[in-house]
C-alpha atoms as a PDB file:
ATOM      1  CA  MET A   1      25.671 -15.356 212.082  1.00  0.00           C
ATOM      2  CA  ARG A   2      24.045 -12.284 213.424  1.00  0.00           C
ATOM      3  CA  SER A   3      25.984  -9.055 213.690  1.00  0.00           C
ATOM      4  CA  PRO A   4      26.784  -7.786 217.169  1.00  0.00           C
ATOM      5  CA  GLU A   5      24.685  -4.825 218.534  1.00  0.00           C
ATOM      6  CA  GLY A   6      26.252  -1.581 217.487  1.00  0.00           C
ATOM      7  CA  ALA A   7      27.904  -2.872 214.313  1.00  0.00           C
ATOM      8  CA  VAL A   8      28.098  -0.096 211.670  1.00  0.00           C
ATOM      9  CA  LEU A   9      26.132  -0.601 208.562  1.00  0.00           C
ATOM     10  CA  GLY A  10      26.656   2.350 206.218  1.00  0.00           C
ATOM     11  CA  TYR A  11      26.986   4.872 208.999  1.00  0.00           C
ATOM     12  CA  VAL A  12      23.906   3.608 210.792  1.00  0.00           C
ATOM     13  CA  THR A  13      24.292   1.237 213.749  1.00  0.00           C
ATOM     14  CA  LEU A  14      22.005  -1.768 214.170  1.00  0.00           C
ATOM     15  CA  GLY A  15      20.852  -0.089 217.390  1.00  0.00           C
ATOM     16  CA  GLN A  16      19.907   3.105 215.503  1.00  0.00           C
ATOM     17  CA  GLU A  17      18.275   1.059 212.862  1.00  0.00           C
ATOM     18  CA  SER A  18      16.194  -0.677 215.406  1.00  0.00           C
ATOM     19  CA  ASP A  19      15.238   2.575 217.130  1.00  0.00           C
ATOM     20  CA  ALA A  20      14.240   4.022 213.757  1.00  0.00           C
ATOM     21  CA  HIS A  21      12.149   0.973 212.973  1.00  0.00           C
ATOM     22  CA  ARG A  22      10.366   1.131 216.414  1.00  0.00           C
ATOM     23  CA  ASP A  23       9.781   4.819 215.894  1.00  0.00           C
ATOM     24  CA  ALA A  24       8.335   4.221 212.440  1.00  0.00           C
ATOM     25  CA  GLU A  25       6.084   1.483 213.920  1.00  0.00           C
ATOM     26  CA  ARG A  26       4.845   3.890 216.627  1.00  0.00           C
ATOM     27  CA  ARG A  27       4.107   6.529 214.018  1.00  0.00           C
ATOM     28  CA  LYS A  28       2.220   4.135 211.940  1.00  0.00           C
ATOM     29  CA  ASP A  29       0.204   2.930 214.955  1.00  0.00           C
ATOM     30  CA  ARG A  30      -0.581   6.490 215.963  1.00  0.00           C
ATOM     31  CA  PHE A  31      -1.601   7.267 212.376  1.00  0.00           C
ATOM     32  CA  LEU A  32      -3.946   4.222 212.238  1.00  0.00           C
ATOM     33  CA  ALA A  33      -5.466   5.201 215.612  1.00  0.00           C
ATOM     34  CA  LEU A  34      -5.919   8.747 214.547  1.00  0.00           C
ATOM     35  CA  ILE A  35      -7.533   7.867 211.160  1.00  0.00           C
ATOM     36  CA  GLY A  36      -9.806   5.296 212.809  1.00  0.00           C
ATOM     37  CA  HIS A  37     -10.987   7.847 215.331  1.00  0.00           C
ATOM     38  CA  GLU A  38     -11.424  10.578 212.768  1.00  0.00           C
ATOM     39  CA  LEU A  39     -13.416   8.321 210.410  1.00  0.00           C
ATOM     40  CA  ARG A  40     -15.488   6.703 213.128  1.00  0.00           C
ATOM     41  CA  THR A  41     -17.062   9.902 214.459  1.00  0.00           C
ATOM     42  CA  PRO A  42     -18.498  11.385 211.193  1.00  0.00           C
ATOM     43  CA  LEU A  43     -19.433   7.870 209.913  1.00  0.00           C
ATOM     44  CA  ALA A  44     -21.437   7.288 213.091  1.00  0.00           C
ATOM     45  CA  SER A  45     -23.226  10.594 212.690  1.00  0.00           C
ATOM     46  CA  VAL A  46     -23.947   9.858 208.946  1.00  0.00           C
ATOM     47  CA  GLN A  47     -25.311   6.414 209.750  1.00  0.00           C
ATOM     48  CA  GLY A  48     -27.415   7.645 212.699  1.00  0.00           C
ATOM     49  CA  PHE A  49     -29.025  10.567 210.975  1.00  0.00           C
ATOM     50  CA  ALA A  50     -29.635   8.648 207.735  1.00  0.00           C
ATOM     51  CA  ARG A  51     -31.434   6.003 209.693  1.00  0.00           C
ATOM     52  CA  LEU A  52     -33.623   8.532 211.340  1.00  0.00           C
ATOM     53  CA  LEU A  53     -34.547  10.052 207.979  1.00  0.00           C
ATOM     54  CA  VAL A  54     -35.389   6.619 206.665  1.00  0.00           C
ATOM     55  CA  GLU A  55     -37.459   5.437 209.699  1.00  0.00           C
ATOM     56  CA  GLU A  56     -39.300   8.684 210.144  1.00  0.00           C
ATOM     57  CA  PRO A  57     -40.462   9.831 206.653  1.00  0.00           C
ATOM     58  CA  ASP A  58     -43.131  12.081 208.047  1.00  0.00           C
ATOM     59  CA  MET A  59     -40.966  14.160 210.395  1.00  0.00           C
ATOM     60  CA  ALA A  60     -41.383  17.901 210.524  1.00  0.00           C
ATOM     61  CA  PRO A  61     -39.704  19.877 207.652  1.00  0.00           C
ATOM     62  CA  ASP A  62     -37.511  21.986 209.943  1.00  0.00           C
ATOM     63  CA  LEU A  63     -36.257  18.871 211.815  1.00  0.00           C
ATOM     64  CA  ARG A  64     -35.529  17.089 208.528  1.00  0.00           C
ATOM     65  CA  ALA A  65     -33.674  20.151 207.272  1.00  0.00           C
ATOM     66  CA  GLY A  66     -31.531  20.112 210.467  1.00  0.00           C
ATOM     67  CA  TYR A  67     -30.652  16.446 210.004  1.00  0.00           C
ATOM     68  CA  LEU A  68     -29.747  16.966 206.332  1.00  0.00           C
ATOM     69  CA  ALA A  69     -27.499  19.880 207.359  1.00  0.00           C
ATOM     70  CA  VAL A  70     -25.678  17.553 209.874  1.00  0.00           C
ATOM     71  CA  LEU A  71     -25.282  14.917 207.122  1.00  0.00           C
ATOM     72  CA  ASP A  72     -23.842  17.473 204.812  1.00  0.00           C
ATOM     73  CA  ALA A  73     -21.360  18.721 207.297  1.00  0.00           C
ATOM     74  CA  GLU A  74     -20.216  15.313 208.262  1.00  0.00           C
ATOM     75  CA  ALA A  75     -19.785  14.310 204.670  1.00  0.00           C
ATOM     76  CA  SER A  76     -17.730  17.317 204.072  1.00  0.00           C
ATOM     77  CA  ARG A  77     -15.620  16.388 207.005  1.00  0.00           C
ATOM     78  CA  LEU A  78     -14.996  12.893 205.536  1.00  0.00           C
ATOM     79  CA  ARG A  79     -14.143  14.353 202.178  1.00  0.00           C
ATOM     80  CA  GLU A  80     -11.581  16.734 203.718  1.00  0.00           C
ATOM     81  CA  LEU A  81      -9.959  14.007 205.691  1.00  0.00           C
ATOM     82  CA  LEU A  82      -9.593  11.765 202.659  1.00  0.00           C
ATOM     83  CA  GLU A  83      -8.343  14.754 200.502  1.00  0.00           C
ATOM     84  CA  ASP A  84      -5.612  15.518 203.091  1.00  0.00           C
ATOM     85  CA  LEU A  85      -4.501  11.928 203.177  1.00  0.00           C
ATOM     86  CA  LEU A  86      -4.326  11.723 199.389  1.00  0.00           C
ATOM     87  CA  ARG A  87      -2.407  14.995 199.145  1.00  0.00           C
ATOM     88  CA  ALA A  88       0.095  13.986 201.777  1.00  0.00           C
ATOM     89  CA  ALA A  89       0.596  10.581 200.121  1.00  0.00           C
ATOM     90  CA  ARG A  90       1.114  12.231 196.616  1.00  0.00           C
ATOM     91  CA  LEU A  91       3.540  14.810 197.965  1.00  0.00           C
ATOM     92  CA  GLN A  92       5.581  12.347 199.967  1.00  0.00           C
ATOM     93  CA  SER A  93       5.853   9.916 197.081  1.00  0.00           C
ATOM     94  CA  GLY A  94       6.868  12.583 194.587  1.00  0.00           C
ATOM     95  CA  GLU A  95       3.848  11.789 192.415  1.00  0.00           C
ATOM     96  CA  TRP A  96       2.619  15.311 192.312  1.00  0.00           C
ATOM     97  CA  ARG A  97       4.731  17.011 189.617  1.00  0.00           C
ATOM     98  CA  LEU A  98       4.921  20.758 189.675  1.00  0.00           C
ATOM     99  CA  ALA A  99       3.716  22.648 186.488  1.00  0.00           C
ATOM    100  CA  PRO A 100       4.761  26.152 187.501  1.00  0.00           C
ATOM    101  CA  ARG A 101       3.981  29.312 185.655  1.00  0.00           C
ATOM    102  CA  PRO A 102       3.963  33.053 186.543  1.00  0.00           C
ATOM    103  CA  LEU A 103       1.068  33.685 188.967  1.00  0.00           C
ATOM    104  CA  ASP A 104      -0.190  36.816 190.768  1.00  0.00           C
ATOM    105  CA  PRO A 105      -0.092  35.573 194.365  1.00  0.00           C
ATOM    106  CA  PHE A 106      -2.264  38.386 195.736  1.00  0.00           C
ATOM    107  CA  SER A 107      -4.991  37.847 193.193  1.00  0.00           C
ATOM    108  CA  ALA A 108      -4.972  34.210 194.319  1.00  0.00           C
ATOM    109  CA  VAL A 109      -5.062  35.385 197.962  1.00  0.00           C
ATOM    110  CA  ARG A 110      -8.336  37.260 197.265  1.00  0.00           C
ATOM    111  CA  ASP A 111      -9.840  34.226 195.722  1.00  0.00           C
ATOM    112  CA  ILE A 112      -8.890  31.958 198.616  1.00  0.00           C
ATOM    113  CA  VAL A 113     -10.300  34.498 201.099  1.00  0.00           C
ATOM    114  CA  ASP A 114     -13.617  34.798 199.237  1.00  0.00           C
ATOM    115  CA  ARG A 115     -13.956  31.034 199.192  1.00  0.00           C
ATOM    116  CA  ALA A 116     -13.315  30.834 202.959  1.00  0.00           C
ATOM    117  CA  VAL A 117     -16.062  33.362 203.895  1.00  0.00           C
ATOM    118  CA  PRO A 118     -18.784  30.679 204.286  1.00  0.00           C
ATOM    119  CA  LEU A 119     -16.495  28.701 206.724  1.00  0.00           C
ATOM    120  CA  ALA A 120     -15.789  31.803 208.736  1.00  0.00           C
ATOM    121  CA  ARG A 121     -19.509  32.640 208.992  1.00  0.00           C
ATOM    122  CA  ALA A 122     -20.325  29.152 210.041  1.00  0.00           C
ATOM    123  CA  GLN A 123     -17.608  29.268 212.733  1.00  0.00           C
ATOM    124  CA  GLY A 124     -18.773  32.727 213.970  1.00  0.00           C
ATOM    125  CA  ARG A 125     -15.543  34.526 212.823  1.00  0.00           C
ATOM    126  CA  THR A 126     -15.093  37.750 210.997  1.00  0.00           C
ATOM    127  CA  LEU A 127     -12.736  37.470 208.011  1.00  0.00           C
ATOM    128  CA  LEU A 128     -10.759  40.624 207.090  1.00  0.00           C
ATOM    129  CA  LEU A 129      -8.612  41.172 204.007  1.00  0.00           C
ATOM    130  CA  GLY A 130      -6.198  44.033 204.114  1.00  0.00           C
ATOM    131  CA  PRO A 131      -4.703  45.934 201.090  1.00  0.00           C
ATOM    132  CA  LEU A 132      -2.773  43.821 198.684  1.00  0.00           C
ATOM    133  CA  PRO A 133       0.011  45.213 196.316  1.00  0.00           C
ATOM    134  CA  PRO A 134      -0.542  44.849 192.579  1.00  0.00           C
ATOM    135  CA  GLY A 135       1.647  43.518 189.848  1.00  0.00           C
ATOM    136  CA  ALA A 136       3.621  40.835 191.867  1.00  0.00           C
ATOM    137  CA  ARG A 137       4.511  37.466 190.264  1.00  0.00           C
ATOM    138  CA  VAL A 138       5.750  34.297 191.704  1.00  0.00           C
ATOM    139  CA  LEU A 139       6.574  31.088 189.795  1.00  0.00           C
ATOM    140  CA  ALA A 140       3.887  28.566 190.977  1.00  0.00           C
ATOM    141  CA  ASP A 141       1.784  25.713 190.144  1.00  0.00           C
ATOM    142  CA  PRO A 142      -1.776  27.106 190.135  1.00  0.00           C
ATOM    143  CA  ASP A 143      -3.308  23.879 191.324  1.00  0.00           C
ATOM    144  CA  LEU A 144      -0.849  23.117 194.139  1.00  0.00           C
ATOM    145  CA  TRP A 145       0.357  26.593 195.323  1.00  0.00           C
ATOM    146  CA  PRO A 146      -3.036  27.637 196.950  1.00  0.00           C
ATOM    147  CA  LEU A 147      -2.914  24.691 199.374  1.00  0.00           C
ATOM    148  CA  THR A 148      -0.436  26.570 201.559  1.00  0.00           C
ATOM    149  CA  LEU A 149      -2.754  29.539 202.153  1.00  0.00           C
ATOM    150  CA  ARG A 150      -5.895  27.541 202.105  1.00  0.00           C
ATOM    151  CA  ASN A 151      -4.798  25.237 204.844  1.00  0.00           C
ATOM    152  CA  VAL A 152      -3.349  28.027 207.009  1.00  0.00           C
ATOM    153  CA  LEU A 153      -6.449  30.141 206.619  1.00  0.00           C
ATOM    154  CA  GLN A 154      -8.753  27.156 207.507  1.00  0.00           C
ATOM    155  CA  ASN A 155      -6.683  26.582 210.692  1.00  0.00           C
ATOM    156  CA  ALA A 156      -6.985  30.247 211.699  1.00  0.00           C
ATOM    157  CA  ILE A 157     -10.717  30.171 211.307  1.00  0.00           C
ATOM    158  CA  ARG A 158     -11.196  26.924 213.112  1.00  0.00           C
ATOM    159  CA  TYR A 159      -8.782  27.704 216.068  1.00  0.00           C
ATOM    160  CA  GLY A 160      -9.592  31.452 216.352  1.00  0.00           C
ATOM    161  CA  ALA A 161     -11.591  33.029 219.213  1.00  0.00           C
ATOM    162  CA  GLU A 162     -15.359  32.549 219.359  1.00  0.00           C
ATOM    163  CA  GLY A 163     -16.735  35.693 217.642  1.00  0.00           C
ATOM    164  CA  GLY A 164     -13.197  36.681 216.819  1.00  0.00           C
ATOM    165  CA  THR A 165     -11.417  38.027 213.772  1.00  0.00           C
ATOM    166  CA  VAL A 166      -9.070  36.516 211.266  1.00  0.00           C
ATOM    167  CA  THR A 167      -6.976  39.063 209.337  1.00  0.00           C
ATOM    168  CA  VAL A 168      -5.179  38.363 206.020  1.00  0.00           C
ATOM    169  CA  GLY A 169      -2.619  40.820 204.734  1.00  0.00           C
ATOM    170  CA  GLY A 170       0.065  40.951 202.063  1.00  0.00           C
ATOM    171  CA  ALA A 171       3.148  42.900 201.052  1.00  0.00           C
ATOM    172  CA  VAL A 172       6.289  42.743 198.886  1.00  0.00           C
ATOM    173  CA  GLN A 173       9.491  42.656 201.046  1.00  0.00           C
ATOM    174  CA  ASP A 174      13.080  42.015 200.010  1.00  0.00           C
ATOM    175  CA  GLY A 175      12.133  40.502 196.685  1.00  0.00           C
ATOM    176  CA  GLU A 176       9.501  38.243 198.197  1.00  0.00           C
ATOM    177  CA  ALA A 177       5.684  38.065 198.193  1.00  0.00           C
ATOM    178  CA  VAL A 178       4.699  37.839 201.836  1.00  0.00           C
ATOM    179  CA  VAL A 179       1.249  36.818 203.132  1.00  0.00           C
ATOM    180  CA  THR A 180       0.315  36.850 206.827  1.00  0.00           C
ATOM    181  CA  VAL A 181      -2.729  35.221 208.430  1.00  0.00           C
ATOM    182  CA  THR A 182      -3.406  36.424 212.033  1.00  0.00           C
ATOM    183  CA  ASP A 183      -5.997  35.050 214.421  1.00  0.00           C
ATOM    184  CA  ASP A 184      -6.983  36.053 217.948  1.00  0.00           C
ATOM    185  CA  GLY A 185      -7.446  32.527 219.367  1.00  0.00           C
ATOM    186  CA  PRO A 186      -5.580  30.920 222.290  1.00  0.00           C
ATOM    187  CA  GLY A 187      -2.475  30.605 220.132  1.00  0.00           C
ATOM    188  CA  ILE A 188       0.191  27.776 220.063  1.00  0.00           C
ATOM    189  CA  ASP A 189       1.987  27.079 223.205  1.00  0.00           C
ATOM    190  CA  GLU A 190       5.724  27.864 223.081  1.00  0.00           C
ATOM    191  CA  ASP A 191       6.704  24.313 223.769  1.00  0.00           C
ATOM    192  CA  GLU A 192       4.583  23.146 220.866  1.00  0.00           C
ATOM    193  CA  LEU A 193       5.909  25.546 218.215  1.00  0.00           C
ATOM    194  CA  PRO A 194       8.840  23.239 217.186  1.00  0.00           C
ATOM    195  CA  ARG A 195       6.420  20.540 216.460  1.00  0.00           C
ATOM    196  CA  VAL A 196       3.508  22.276 214.655  1.00  0.00           C
ATOM    197  CA  PHE A 197       4.602  21.106 211.218  1.00  0.00           C
ATOM    198  CA  ASP A 198       5.089  17.470 212.205  1.00  0.00           C
ATOM    199  CA  ARG A 199       2.625  15.130 210.401  1.00  0.00           C
ATOM    200  CA  PHE A 200      -0.296  14.160 212.627  1.00  0.00           C
ATOM    201  CA  PHE A 201       0.660  16.563 215.408  1.00  0.00           C
ATOM    202  CA  ARG A 202      -2.228  18.226 217.182  1.00  0.00           C
ATOM    203  CA  GLY A 203      -1.577  20.648 219.971  1.00  0.00           C
ATOM    204  CA  ARG A 204      -3.450  21.186 223.210  1.00  0.00           C
ATOM    205  CA  ALA A 205      -5.516  24.055 221.595  1.00  0.00           C
ATOM    206  CA  SER A 206      -6.930  21.622 219.009  1.00  0.00           C
ATOM    207  CA  ALA A 207      -8.777  19.405 221.552  1.00  0.00           C
ATOM    208  CA  GLY A 208     -12.295  19.072 220.438  1.00  0.00           C
ATOM    209  CA  VAL A 209     -11.732  20.551 217.006  1.00  0.00           C
ATOM    210  CA  PRO A 210     -11.915  18.131 214.025  1.00  0.00           C
ATOM    211  CA  GLY A 211      -8.759  17.655 212.109  1.00  0.00           C
ATOM    212  CA  THR A 212      -6.016  15.240 210.945  1.00  0.00           C
ATOM    213  CA  GLY A 213      -2.880  17.079 211.981  1.00  0.00           C
ATOM    214  CA  LEU A 214      -1.837  17.085 208.238  1.00  0.00           C
ATOM    215  CA  GLY A 215      -2.884  20.499 207.151  1.00  0.00           C
ATOM    216  CA  LEU A 216       0.226  22.503 208.302  1.00  0.00           C
ATOM    217  CA  SER A 217       2.721  19.847 207.173  1.00  0.00           C
ATOM    218  CA  ILE A 218       1.137  19.870 203.711  1.00  0.00           C
ATOM    219  CA  ALA A 219       1.062  23.699 203.753  1.00  0.00           C
ATOM    220  CA  ARG A 220       4.824  23.971 204.520  1.00  0.00           C
ATOM    221  CA  ASP A 221       5.744  21.214 202.088  1.00  0.00           C
ATOM    222  CA  VAL A 222       4.025  22.985 199.272  1.00  0.00           C
ATOM    223  CA  ALA A 223       5.654  26.296 200.258  1.00  0.00           C
ATOM    224  CA  TRP A 224       9.059  24.681 200.175  1.00  0.00           C
ATOM    225  CA  ARG A 225       8.405  23.058 196.780  1.00  0.00           C
ATOM    226  CA  HIS A 226       7.848  26.613 195.443  1.00  0.00           C
ATOM    227  CA  ARG A 227      11.178  27.819 196.965  1.00  0.00           C
ATOM    228  CA  GLY A 228       9.284  29.608 199.656  1.00  0.00           C
ATOM    229  CA  ASP A 229       8.695  29.120 203.384  1.00  0.00           C
ATOM    230  CA  LEU A 230       6.027  29.113 206.087  1.00  0.00           C
ATOM    231  CA  VAL A 231       6.580  30.026 209.739  1.00  0.00           C
ATOM    232  CA  LEU A 232       4.121  30.240 212.723  1.00  0.00           C
ATOM    233  CA  ARG A 233       4.597  32.338 215.812  1.00  0.00           C
ATOM    234  CA  ARG A 234       2.560  33.523 218.708  1.00  0.00           C
ATOM    235  CA  GLY A 235       1.042  36.984 218.218  1.00  0.00           C
ATOM    236  CA  THR A 236       2.109  39.959 220.345  1.00  0.00           C
ATOM    237  CA  GLY A 237      -1.231  39.996 222.191  1.00  0.00           C
ATOM    238  CA  GLY A 238      -2.044  36.300 221.766  1.00  0.00           C
ATOM    239  CA  GLY A 239      -3.286  34.228 218.910  1.00  0.00           C
ATOM    240  CA  THR A 240      -1.254  32.836 216.052  1.00  0.00           C
ATOM    241  CA  VAL A 241       0.537  34.624 213.128  1.00  0.00           C
ATOM    242  CA  ALA A 242       1.307  32.519 210.109  1.00  0.00           C
ATOM    243  CA  GLU A 243       3.723  34.069 207.536  1.00  0.00           C
ATOM    244  CA  ALA A 244       4.233  32.623 204.090  1.00  0.00           C
ATOM    245  CA  ARG A 245       6.943  33.872 201.708  1.00  0.00           C
ATOM    246  CA  TRP A 246       7.809  33.122 198.054  1.00  0.00           C
ATOM    247  CA  PRO A 247      10.468  34.685 195.823  1.00  0.00           C
ATOM    248  CA  LEU A 248       9.239  37.049 193.223  1.00  0.00           C
ATOM    249  CA  VAL A 249       9.934  36.551 189.488  1.00  0.00           C
ATOM    250  CA  LEU A 250       8.558  40.005 188.574  1.00  0.00           C
ATOM    251  CA  SER A 251       7.335  42.943 190.757  1.00  0.00           C
ATOM    252  CA  GLY A 252       6.246  46.375 190.115  1.00  0.00           C
ATOM    253  CA  PRO A 253       3.299  47.800 188.203  1.00  0.00           C
ATOM    254  CA  ARG A 254       2.011  45.942 185.159  1.00  0.00           C
ATOM    255  CA  ARG A 255       2.601  47.317 181.716  1.00  0.00           C
END
C-alpha cells in the first residue's frame, strides 16, 4: 500500500523527496548537456585541424604552425575540463585526503602568479603582483591548497577587460592570511552573486568564454577544507574582487 502524499518519512515528506529527486534529475541533465557541449567544441576542432594536417602534408610552414597551435590550445581545454571534473568528483566523494603542513601562503602566491603569466599574455591582460608580507604560515596541503588561488586567478584573467589588468595582493589581517585578486572586467551582476559558487553555474558575463562552471565551486570547497573562506564582490569601479582568507598558524618575521 502506497503512503499518502505528504506522509512524513524521517522529517522529509514524500512531496519534498519527490521535489528533491526531480531537482537532482534536472541538475544531472544540465550537467550532461553542459559536458556534452564543452567536449563537442574542442573535439570538433581537434578532428578538423588534424584532418587538414593529414590531408595537406605540403602546406605552408606558417599555416601548419597555426593549425598546430590551435590543436594544442584545444587539447589544453579538454585536459582542463577533465581535470576539473575529476577534482570535483574527488572532493565531493571525500576521496581527496588532506596532508597539511605549515606553508608560506605568499611564497605560493608568487609561484601561482608566475605560472599564470603566459595565460595572461595570451588573453591580452597585464598581471600585477603587489607587495606580499614575509614570514606568514598557514596549515595547508601543498598539492590541494593552490587550487583556490589558481582557479580564481584564471577566472579573473579570462573574464577581465580586453587589454585590462588583473592585480593580486596579499596582507595579514586579524590573524589571517588574506589574498585578493581584482580584475577590471564587466563584473558579476548583483542578482548572480548568490549563485557564483553553485556547481556548473555560469553567469551572463561568461557567455562565449570556455569553462565548466566548476572552478569557483572547487576553489571555495578547497578554501573551506583549510578552515578558510572565499568571497566574491563587485569592485567599486566595476570588475570583480575575489578575497580568500586562511587562519595563520605562525606570523611575524622568520628566525
